[in-house]
Amino acid sequence: MSPGILLFVTLENDADIFKSYGIEASFMTHKATIDAMQPALRQSDMFARVDDNVFCLLLNDMPMDHIELVSERVHTLLDAV
């Protein structure tokens, strides 16, 4: 069993969205982030919000040499959010 990968995802524009459009728009951005990640997650993976604009992705049993590929995939999935 490989140890796994832990990535943190920060929504850089979350504060701007909140200031310009309010809490509902910020919530919708968080929901869109979660929805964008769902199809790529395995049953053993975890994706959760851990702070105002920070999400954590835990990929169990994932070799460390896959981290660059995983990071690029996450970036691609969330680019449209």
Protein backbone atom coordinates (compact mmCIF):
# COMPACT_ATOMS: atom_id res chain seq x y z
CA MET A 1 0.00 0.00 0.00
CA SER A 2 1.36 3.43 -0.96
CA PRO A 3 1.23 6.19 1.65
CA GLY A 4 -0.99 8.66 -0.22
CA ILE A 5 -1.09 12.28 -1.25
CA LEU A 6 -2.41 15.33 0.62
CA LEU A 7 -3.07 18.51 -1.36
CA PHE A 8 -4.48 21.85 -0.26
CA VAL A 9 -6.52 23.90 -2.71
CA THR A 10 -6.96 27.63 -2.08
CA LEU A 11 -9.67 29.63 -3.82
CA GLU A 12 -7.77 32.85 -4.40
CA ASN A 13 -10.76 34.97 -5.46
CA ASP A 14 -13.14 33.87 -2.70
CA ALA A 15 -12.80 37.09 -0.67
CA ASP A 16 -13.45 39.20 -3.77
CA ILE A 17 -16.55 37.17 -4.60
CA PHE A 18 -17.80 37.54 -1.04
CA LYS A 19 -17.18 41.32 -0.97
CA SER A 20 -18.73 41.94 -4.38
CA TYR A 21 -21.63 39.49 -4.41
CA GLY A 22 -22.19 38.31 -0.83
CA ILE A 23 -22.22 35.08 1.11
CA GLU A 24 -24.61 33.28 -1.24
CA ALA A 25 -22.25 33.73 -4.22
CA SER A 26 -19.31 32.61 -2.10
CA PHE A 27 -21.27 29.51 -1.04
CA MET A 28 -22.13 28.79 -4.69
CA THR A 29 -18.42 28.96 -5.56
CA HIS A 30 -17.64 26.45 -2.81
CA LYS A 31 -20.41 24.17 -4.05
CA ALA A 32 -19.14 24.45 -7.64
CA THR A 33 -15.65 23.53 -6.41
CA ILE A 34 -16.95 20.40 -4.70
CA ASP A 35 -19.11 19.47 -7.70
CA ALA A 36 -16.15 19.86 -10.08
CA MET A 37 -14.03 17.47 -8.01
CA GLN A 38 -16.64 14.74 -7.41
CA PRO A 39 -16.28 12.86 -10.74
CA ALA A 40 -12.52 12.50 -10.25
CA LEU A 41 -12.67 11.12 -6.71
CA ARG A 42 -12.43 7.47 -5.84
CA GLN A 43 -14.47 6.06 -2.97
CA SER A 44 -11.35 6.06 -0.77
CA ASP A 45 -10.51 9.73 -1.49
CA MET A 46 -11.62 12.68 0.60
CA PHE A 47 -12.21 16.28 -0.48
CA ALA A 48 -13.34 18.73 2.19
CA ARG A 49 -13.40 22.41 3.03
CA VAL A 50 -11.01 23.08 5.91
CA ASP A 51 -11.07 26.89 6.10
CA ASP A 52 -12.91 29.85 4.56
CA ASN A 53 -11.31 29.43 1.14
CA VAL A 54 -9.21 26.29 1.57
CA PHE A 55 -10.06 22.71 0.62
CA CYS A 56 -8.06 19.58 1.36
CA LEU A 57 -7.73 16.60 -0.96
CA LEU A 58 -6.61 13.30 0.56
CA LEU A 59 -5.80 10.51 -1.89
CA ASN A 60 -5.21 7.25 -0.07
CA ASP A 61 -2.92 4.62 -1.54
CA MET A 62 -1.47 6.97 -4.16
CA PRO A 63 2.25 6.86 -5.01
CA MET A 64 4.11 10.10 -4.37
CA ASP A 65 5.51 10.08 -7.90
CA HIS A 66 1.95 10.82 -9.11
CA ILE A 67 1.73 14.12 -7.25
CA GLU A 68 2.52 16.32 -10.25
CA LEU A 69 -0.07 14.55 -12.41
CA VAL A 70 -2.67 14.78 -9.63
CA SER A 71 -1.92 18.46 -9.07
CA GLU A 72 -2.30 19.23 -12.78
CA ARG A 73 -5.58 17.30 -12.92
CA VAL A 74 -6.98 19.20 -9.94
CA HIS A 75 -5.93 22.49 -11.51
CA THR A 76 -7.64 21.54 -14.77
CA LEU A 77 -10.85 20.46 -13.01
CA LEU A 78 -11.06 23.65 -10.97
CA ASP A 79 -9.90 26.07 -13.64
CA ALA A 80 -13.46 26.69 -14.81
CA VAL A 81 -14.86 27.34 -11.32
